Protein backbone atom coordinates (compact mmCIF):
# COMPACT_ATOMS: atom_id res chain seq x y z
CA MET A 1 5.39 -5.85 -1.36
CA ASP A 2 4.08 -8.85 0.48
CA ILE A 3 5.09 -11.97 2.41
CA THR A 4 3.92 -15.56 2.05
CA TYR A 5 4.85 -18.83 3.67
CA ILE A 6 6.64 -21.55 1.71
CA PRO A 7 6.07 -25.12 2.91
CA MET A 8 9.07 -27.47 2.93
CA ALA A 9 9.45 -31.19 3.64
CA LYS A 10 9.87 -30.27 7.31
CA GLY A 11 8.68 -26.84 8.36
CA PHE A 12 8.40 -23.72 6.27
CA VAL A 13 10.09 -20.43 5.42
CA TYR A 14 8.78 -17.01 4.51
CA LEU A 15 9.19 -15.34 1.13
CA ALA A 16 9.07 -11.56 0.73
CA VAL A 17 8.98 -9.85 -2.68
CA VAL A 18 8.89 -6.35 -4.06
CA LEU A 19 6.80 -6.44 -7.23
CA ASP A 20 6.50 -3.72 -9.87
CA TRP A 21 2.77 -3.22 -10.40
CA PHE A 22 2.99 -2.15 -14.04
CA SER A 23 5.18 -4.96 -15.36
CA ARG A 24 4.56 -7.62 -12.68
CA ARG A 25 8.36 -7.94 -12.47
CA VAL A 26 9.84 -9.23 -9.21
CA LEU A 27 12.36 -6.51 -8.32
CA SER A 28 13.71 -8.06 -5.13
CA TRP A 29 13.07 -11.13 -2.99
CA LYS A 30 14.38 -12.82 0.14
CA LEU A 31 13.65 -15.91 2.22
CA SER A 32 13.65 -16.01 6.01
CA ILE A 33 13.02 -18.56 8.72
CA THR A 34 11.23 -15.90 10.80
CA MET A 35 8.67 -13.21 10.06
CA GLU A 36 10.70 -10.48 11.69
CA ALA A 37 10.80 -7.14 9.90
CA ALA A 38 14.55 -7.26 9.19
CA PHE A 39 14.27 -9.43 6.07
CA CYS A 40 11.48 -7.20 4.72
CA VAL A 41 13.65 -4.12 5.28
CA GLU A 42 16.54 -5.86 3.47
CA THR A 43 14.26 -6.77 0.56
CA LEU A 44 13.03 -3.17 0.34
CA GLU A 45 16.55 -1.71 0.55
CA ASP A 46 17.73 -4.09 -2.18
CA ALA A 47 14.88 -3.01 -4.47
CA LEU A 48 15.58 0.68 -3.84
CA ALA A 49 19.34 0.25 -4.42
CA ASN A 50 18.90 -1.68 -7.67
CA HIS A 51 15.78 -0.07 -9.17
CA GLY A 52 15.48 3.41 -7.70
CA LYS A 53 12.69 4.88 -5.67
CA PRO A 54 9.05 4.63 -6.63
CA ASP A 55 6.56 7.42 -6.05
CA ILE A 56 4.30 5.13 -3.99
CA PHE A 57 5.01 1.85 -2.18
CA ASN A 58 2.10 -0.49 -1.38
CA THR A 59 1.93 -3.17 1.32
CA ASP A 60 -0.65 -4.69 3.60
CA GLN A 61 -0.92 -3.63 7.24
CA GLY A 62 1.31 -6.40 8.62
CA SER A 63 3.55 -5.54 11.55
CA GLN A 64 6.65 -5.97 9.35
CA PHE A 65 5.44 -3.14 7.12
CA THR A 66 4.15 -0.78 9.83
CA CYS A 67 7.21 -0.91 12.09
CA PRO A 68 9.50 2.16 12.27
CA ALA A 69 12.43 0.27 10.70
CA PHE A 70 10.42 -0.37 7.51
CA THR A 71 8.47 2.89 7.25
CA GLY A 72 11.63 4.80 8.12
CA VAL A 73 13.37 3.52 4.99
CA LEU A 74 10.47 4.73 2.86
CA ALA A 75 10.36 8.09 4.65
CA LYS A 76 14.12 8.54 4.22
CA HIS A 77 13.64 8.14 0.45
CA ASN A 78 10.53 10.36 0.36
CA VAL A 79 8.35 7.50 -0.88
CA ARG A 80 4.62 7.78 -0.22
CA ILE A 81 3.23 4.83 1.72
CA SER A 82 0.07 3.04 0.61
CA MET A 83 -1.43 0.30 2.76
CA ASP A 84 -4.24 -2.07 1.87
CA GLY A 85 -7.48 -2.01 3.76
CA LYS A 86 -7.84 -4.66 6.46
CA GLY A 87 -8.77 -7.98 4.85
CA ALA A 88 -8.81 -6.37 1.38
CA TRP A 89 -6.76 -8.90 -0.62
CA ARG A 90 -7.86 -7.27 -3.88
CA ASP A 91 -5.82 -4.19 -2.99
CA ASN A 92 -2.69 -6.25 -3.61
CA VAL A 93 -4.06 -8.63 -6.21
CA PHE A 94 -0.93 -8.64 -8.41
CA VAL A 95 1.27 -10.02 -5.67
CA GLU A 96 -1.47 -12.47 -4.66
CA ARG A 97 -1.44 -13.78 -8.24
CA LEU A 98 2.35 -14.11 -8.00
CA TRP A 99 1.97 -16.23 -4.84
CA ARG A 100 -0.42 -18.53 -6.67
CA SER A 101 2.01 -18.93 -9.59
CA VAL A 102 5.05 -19.50 -7.36
CA LYS A 103 3.28 -22.10 -5.25
CA TYR A 104 1.51 -24.05 -7.99
CA GLU A 105 4.26 -23.88 -10.61
CA GLU A 106 7.25 -24.40 -8.26
CA VAL A 107 6.79 -24.88 -4.52
CA TYR A 108 4.06 -27.55 -4.47
CA LEU A 109 6.02 -29.58 -7.04
CA HIS A 110 9.08 -29.81 -4.75
CA ALA A 111 9.39 -30.77 -1.11
CA TYR A 112 12.46 -28.71 -0.29
CA ASP A 113 14.72 -30.46 2.23
CA ASN A 114 16.29 -27.26 3.52
CA VAL A 115 16.32 -23.47 3.20
CA SER A 116 19.16 -23.56 0.67
CA ALA A 117 17.18 -25.87 -1.63
CA ALA A 118 14.12 -23.61 -1.28
CA ARG A 119 16.22 -20.53 -2.08
CA ASP A 120 17.72 -22.19 -5.17
CA GLY A 121 14.39 -23.50 -6.50
CA ILE A 122 12.50 -20.27 -5.91
CA GLY A 123 15.38 -18.27 -7.38
CA ARG A 124 15.29 -20.32 -10.58
CA TYR A 125 11.52 -19.97 -10.77
CA LEU A 126 11.53 -16.19 -10.24
CA ASP A 127 14.18 -15.87 -12.94
CA LEU A 128 11.92 -17.86 -15.29
CA TYR A 129 8.91 -15.78 -14.16
CA ASN A 130 10.66 -12.49 -14.96
CA ARG A 131 12.52 -13.48 -18.14
CA ARG A 132 10.61 -16.23 -19.92
CA ARG A 133 7.04 -16.57 -18.62
CA PRO A 134 4.60 -14.54 -20.76
CA HIS A 135 1.62 -12.88 -19.07
CA SER A 136 -1.76 -12.45 -20.73
CA SER A 137 -2.25 -9.18 -18.81
CA LEU A 138 0.92 -7.88 -20.51
CA ASP A 139 -0.24 -8.80 -24.03
CA GLY A 140 1.93 -11.92 -23.95
CA GLN A 141 5.08 -10.09 -22.88
CA THR A 142 7.29 -11.27 -20.05
CA PRO A 143 7.63 -9.02 -17.00
CA ASP A 144 11.21 -8.21 -18.07
CA ALA A 145 10.06 -7.20 -21.54
CA ALA A 146 7.36 -4.94 -20.09
CA TYR A 147 9.74 -3.47 -17.49
CA PHE A 148 12.58 -2.79 -19.93
CA ARG A 149 10.55 -2.19 -23.09
CA HIS A 150 11.63 0.50 -25.47
CA GLU A 151 9.45 3.32 -26.72
CA SER A 152 9.54 1.75 -30.18
CA MET A 153 7.53 -1.25 -28.95
CA PRO A 154 3.75 -1.06 -29.21
CA PRO A 155 2.11 -0.12 -25.91
CA ILE A 156 0.25 -2.64 -23.81
CA ARG A 157 -3.50 -2.40 -24.39
CA LEU A 158 -5.35 -1.08 -21.37
CA ALA A 159 -8.96 -1.70 -20.46
CA ALA A 160 -11.29 1.15 -21.33
């Protein structure tokens, strides 16, 4: 999970996502006009409610992710907490790649007039990202295909 800022015509909002590392699928996302922990907790709770609990949950060391409200949700579900090293962007490289895609393929192409327009545009993009945008790291599959793939499908090739 991570947070990024989204520039608009006037001001900006924050986008939080929960991303499945294996499939690169966005499991949950929310926009907020503040960086308070509440919207991160809501995003986490939504992901847990709709996709079940992971064994490990990774974030950076931001105050939204280290506060008792956030870590308490993970502890309540017996999820192990993994936090990136300070300044170690590579620890969360998959979500950093998502930010690049979202910004260059959607956000920078539109100067959203308001939060509602940003929510609609980003929602459409994340739907495209999950359902229709193939990823070279997934052997050309979409995140949805990798996330929901059946055992009969050939496995994704892994680096040796």
